[in-house]
Amino acid sequence: MMEKIAAVLIAAHVFADFLLQTDALVRHKDRPAFLMLHGVIHAAASYFMLQAWACWQAPAYVFAVHTLTDLGKQRSGSDGAAVFVVDQIVHVATLAALAWIMVRFSWMPAFDGVGYAPLIVAAGFVACVRGAGFLVAKVAGRLIVENGIALEGLRNGGKMIGQLERCIIFLFIFIDQPMAIGFLFAAKSILRFEEAKQQKLAEYILIGTLLSFSLAIAIASAARWAAGL
């Protein structure tokens, strides 16, 4: 089934991009060696998760296309939220295309590896808790700079709160209790009551919260659907 192959490829991308990519790789990706190492990590993740040991074409495709896509992102000279979104859309689209090619040309007609559902759920969790955080951070960072917002609190406190709330939302979606997300939102609103008295800070928190919640709900729902294929 093409959909399962695409889901596995996207799961491998999530692990390689948001779990296996170190800060050093991110900082030095403008150097060819680091850029190619990142491509190798993606190719290896795809190869091991597909479990089609004779299919060398898939990891070769992932290495070449992912490296070229990241090179294009580097050449653009921008690293804002819009670039991040476009970059991820391109990666997912190329992986979906690879899944179609693998089925069309019988490189791998169907996924018959072990542990499909756990792999998809784990990747969904990483994308929800960690991956979504990169987009939220980019949007929040721009708001802080453009509006001169001064934040007071624990270092990385907002980041940790965001990760925890997306973790809880992921759990609520998978135990089929989406209504509980409303109580989570209400609880956070009560705890942020004092900050809501400052308009700029209140709007900043509201935008970040709604974006974080929306991404978590969308990713968790997609992961639950894919795990059931």
Protein backbone atom coordinates (compact mmCIF):
# COMPACT_ATOMS: atom_id res chain seq x y z
CA MET A 1 0.00 0.00 0.00
CA MET A 2 1.47 3.31 -1.14
CA GLU A 3 0.04 5.23 1.82
CA LYS A 4 1.88 3.04 4.34
CA ILE A 5 5.17 3.40 2.48
CA ALA A 6 4.71 7.19 2.38
CA ALA A 7 3.91 7.21 6.12
CA VAL A 8 7.07 5.25 6.92
CA LEU A 9 9.21 7.56 4.77
CA ILE A 10 7.73 10.64 6.45
CA ALA A 11 8.26 9.04 9.87
CA ALA A 12 11.93 8.47 9.00
CA HIS A 13 12.17 12.12 7.93
CA VAL A 14 10.71 13.24 11.27
CA PHE A 15 13.22 11.19 13.27
CA ALA A 16 16.16 12.39 11.16
CA ASP A 17 15.15 16.06 11.11
CA PHE A 18 13.82 16.60 14.63
CA LEU A 19 15.49 13.92 16.74
CA LEU A 20 18.81 12.95 15.12
CA GLN A 21 19.79 16.41 13.86
CA THR A 22 22.15 17.91 16.44
CA ASP A 23 22.70 21.61 17.11
CA ALA A 24 26.16 21.28 15.51
CA LEU A 25 24.60 20.00 12.29
CA VAL A 26 22.16 22.89 12.24
CA ARG A 27 24.89 25.49 12.84
CA HIS A 28 27.32 24.09 10.28
CA LYS A 29 24.96 22.87 7.57
CA ASP A 30 26.38 25.54 5.25
CA ARG A 31 29.52 23.37 5.07
CA PRO A 32 29.33 20.59 2.43
CA ALA A 33 30.52 17.86 4.81
CA PHE A 34 27.83 18.61 7.39
CA LEU A 35 25.16 19.01 4.72
CA MET A 36 26.03 15.62 3.23
CA LEU A 37 26.19 14.00 6.69
CA HIS A 38 22.65 15.22 7.33
CA GLY A 39 21.59 13.68 4.01
CA VAL A 40 23.26 10.38 4.93
CA ILE A 41 21.37 10.32 8.26
CA HIS A 42 18.07 10.78 6.40
CA ALA A 43 18.96 8.07 3.89
CA ALA A 44 19.96 5.65 6.66
CA ALA A 45 16.77 6.34 8.64
CA SER A 46 14.67 5.66 5.54
CA TYR A 47 16.58 2.47 4.74
CA PHE A 48 16.25 0.96 8.22
CA MET A 49 12.61 1.95 8.70
CA LEU A 50 11.49 0.67 5.29
CA GLN A 51 13.16 -2.67 6.09
CA ALA A 52 13.45 -3.41 2.35
CA TRP A 53 17.08 -4.45 2.49
CA ALA A 54 17.47 -5.01 -1.26
CA CYS A 55 15.96 -1.62 -2.16
CA TRP A 56 18.99 0.68 -2.41
CA GLN A 57 17.17 3.09 -4.71
CA ALA A 58 15.02 4.55 -1.91
CA PRO A 59 17.87 5.70 0.39
CA ALA A 60 19.82 6.96 -2.65
CA TYR A 61 16.78 9.04 -3.69
CA VAL A 62 16.32 10.37 -0.13
CA PHE A 63 19.98 11.34 0.14
CA ALA A 64 20.06 13.16 -3.21
CA VAL A 65 16.70 14.94 -2.97
CA HIS A 66 16.94 15.88 0.70
CA THR A 67 20.48 17.24 0.29
CA LEU A 68 19.52 19.29 -2.77
CA THR A 69 16.42 20.65 -1.02
CA ASP A 70 18.45 21.70 2.03
CA LEU A 71 21.08 23.23 -0.25
CA GLY A 72 18.35 25.32 -1.88
CA LYS A 73 17.17 26.41 1.56
CA GLN A 74 20.74 27.42 2.47
CA ARG A 75 21.09 29.41 -0.75
CA SER A 76 17.85 31.30 -0.02
CA GLY A 77 19.59 32.96 2.94
CA SER A 78 16.42 32.98 5.05
CA ASP A 79 15.36 30.88 8.01
CA GLY A 80 12.00 32.30 8.99
CA ALA A 81 8.70 30.56 9.67
CA ALA A 82 7.57 30.71 6.03
CA VAL A 83 10.81 29.12 4.79
CA PHE A 84 10.52 26.40 7.45
CA VAL A 85 6.97 25.56 6.35
CA VAL A 86 7.84 25.53 2.64
CA ASP A 87 10.92 23.40 3.32
CA GLN A 88 8.89 20.79 5.22
CA ILE A 89 6.16 20.75 2.56
CA VAL A 90 8.77 20.13 -0.14
CA HIS A 91 10.34 17.29 1.86
CA VAL A 92 6.98 15.62 2.45
CA ALA A 93 5.95 16.05 -1.20
CA THR A 94 9.18 14.48 -2.48
CA LEU A 95 8.74 11.55 -0.09
CA ALA A 96 5.16 11.04 -1.26
CA ALA A 97 6.49 11.05 -4.82
CA LEU A 98 9.10 8.45 -3.83
CA ALA A 99 6.38 6.21 -2.37
CA TRP A 100 4.48 6.39 -5.67
CA ILE A 101 7.64 5.58 -7.65
CA MET A 102 8.43 2.62 -5.38
CA VAL A 103 5.01 1.11 -5.96
CA ARG A 104 4.77 2.04 -9.65
CA PHE A 105 8.11 0.48 -10.56
CA SER A 106 7.88 -2.38 -8.04
CA TRP A 107 10.87 -1.30 -5.98
CA MET A 108 8.67 -2.09 -2.99
CA PRO A 109 5.02 -2.90 -3.85
CA ALA A 110 3.90 -2.85 -0.20
CA PHE A 111 5.34 -2.31 3.27
CA ASP A 112 5.78 -5.68 4.96
CA GLY A 113 8.18 -4.72 7.74
CA VAL A 114 7.56 -5.10 11.46
CA GLY A 115 6.48 -2.49 13.99
CA TYR A 116 4.60 -0.20 11.58
CA ALA A 117 2.11 1.29 14.07
CA PRO A 118 4.65 1.92 16.89
CA LEU A 119 7.00 3.63 14.41
CA ILE A 120 4.25 5.93 13.16
CA VAL A 121 3.03 6.77 16.67
CA ALA A 122 6.57 7.50 17.86
CA ALA A 123 7.26 9.70 14.85
CA GLY A 124 3.97 11.52 15.37
CA PHE A 125 4.92 12.17 18.98
CA VAL A 126 8.32 13.59 17.96
CA ALA A 127 6.74 15.77 15.26
CA CYS A 128 4.06 17.01 17.67
CA VAL A 129 6.21 17.71 20.72
CA ARG A 130 9.53 18.68 19.16
CA GLY A 131 8.98 19.39 15.47
CA ALA A 132 6.04 21.76 15.93
CA GLY A 133 8.09 23.64 18.51
CA PHE A 134 10.50 24.89 15.84
CA LEU A 135 7.69 26.63 13.95
CA VAL A 136 6.18 28.06 17.13
CA ALA A 137 9.61 29.37 18.18
CA LYS A 138 10.18 31.06 14.82
CA VAL A 139 6.79 32.78 14.91
CA ALA A 140 7.20 33.78 18.56
CA GLY A 141 10.74 35.05 17.99
CA ARG A 142 9.59 37.31 15.19
CA LEU A 143 6.76 38.72 17.34
CA ILE A 144 9.20 39.46 20.16
CA VAL A 145 11.59 41.34 17.87
CA GLU A 146 8.94 43.26 15.93
CA ASN A 147 7.00 44.36 19.01
CA GLY A 148 9.79 44.78 21.55
CA ILE A 149 8.20 42.35 23.99
CA ALA A 150 10.18 41.81 27.19
CA LEU A 151 9.78 38.36 28.66
CA GLU A 152 10.42 37.62 32.31
CA GLY A 153 10.51 34.10 33.60
CA LEU A 154 12.45 30.87 33.56
CA ARG A 155 15.02 30.39 30.83
CA ASN A 156 13.39 28.21 28.15
CA GLY A 157 10.30 28.06 30.36
CA GLY A 158 7.95 28.86 27.48
CA LYS A 159 9.58 26.20 25.31
CA MET A 160 9.16 23.54 27.98
CA ILE A 161 5.54 24.54 28.64
CA GLY A 162 4.80 24.30 24.92
CA GLN A 163 6.35 20.83 24.68
CA LEU A 164 4.42 19.60 27.70
CA GLU A 165 1.10 20.95 26.44
CA ARG A 166 1.60 19.36 23.00
CA CYS A 167 2.55 16.09 24.72
CA ILE A 168 -0.72 16.17 26.68
CA ILE A 169 -2.74 17.03 23.57
CA PHE A 170 -1.12 14.13 21.70
CA LEU A 171 -2.19 11.82 24.53
CA PHE A 172 -5.75 13.20 24.56
CA ILE A 173 -6.11 12.60 20.81
CA PHE A 174 -4.85 9.03 21.03
CA ILE A 175 -7.10 8.09 23.97
CA ASP A 176 -10.03 9.64 22.08
CA GLN A 177 -10.63 12.45 24.57
CA PRO A 178 -10.34 15.61 22.42
CA MET A 179 -12.83 17.45 24.65
CA ALA A 180 -10.19 17.49 27.41
CA ILE A 181 -8.10 19.86 25.28
CA GLY A 182 -10.59 22.61 26.13
CA PHE A 183 -9.91 22.15 29.84
CA LEU A 184 -6.17 22.34 29.17
CA PHE A 185 -6.65 25.63 27.31
CA ALA A 186 -8.83 27.00 30.11
CA ALA A 187 -6.28 26.02 32.77
CA LYS A 188 -3.50 27.76 30.87
CA SER A 189 -5.64 30.89 30.48
CA ILE A 190 -6.23 31.03 34.24
CA LEU A 191 -2.51 30.67 34.99
CA ARG A 192 -1.73 33.47 32.51
CA PHE A 193 -4.42 35.78 33.90
CA GLU A 194 -2.05 38.47 35.19
CA GLU A 195 -0.10 38.64 31.93
CA ALA A 196 -3.38 39.07 30.03
CA LYS A 197 -3.63 42.58 31.51
CA GLN A 198 -0.81 43.71 29.17
CA GLN A 199 -2.18 43.77 25.63
CA LYS A 200 1.05 43.06 23.73
CA LEU A 201 2.04 40.22 26.04
CA ALA A 202 -1.51 38.82 26.07
CA GLU A 203 -1.69 38.76 22.27
CA TYR A 204 1.78 37.21 22.05
CA ILE A 205 0.78 34.41 24.45
CA LEU A 206 -2.56 33.87 22.69
CA ILE A 207 -0.96 33.59 19.24
CA GLY A 208 1.69 31.18 20.50
CA THR A 209 -0.85 29.07 22.39
CA LEU A 210 -3.33 28.82 19.52
CA LEU A 211 -0.57 27.95 17.05
CA SER A 212 0.88 25.33 19.40
CA PHE A 213 -2.52 23.76 20.11
CA SER A 214 -3.54 23.78 16.43
CA LEU A 215 -0.32 22.11 15.29
CA ALA A 216 -0.56 19.51 18.05
CA ILE A 217 -4.16 18.61 17.19
CA ALA A 218 -3.42 18.40 13.45
CA ILE A 219 -0.24 16.31 13.82
CA ALA A 220 -1.71 13.97 16.45
CA SER A 221 -4.82 13.41 14.33
CA ALA A 222 -2.72 12.70 11.24
CA ALA A 223 -0.51 10.27 13.19
CA ARG A 224 -3.53 8.44 14.56
CA TRP A 225 -5.00 8.09 11.08
CA ALA A 226 -1.70 6.90 9.57
CA ALA A 227 -1.11 4.40 12.38
CA GLY A 228 -4.45 2.79 11.56
CA LEU A 229 -3.64 2.14 7.88
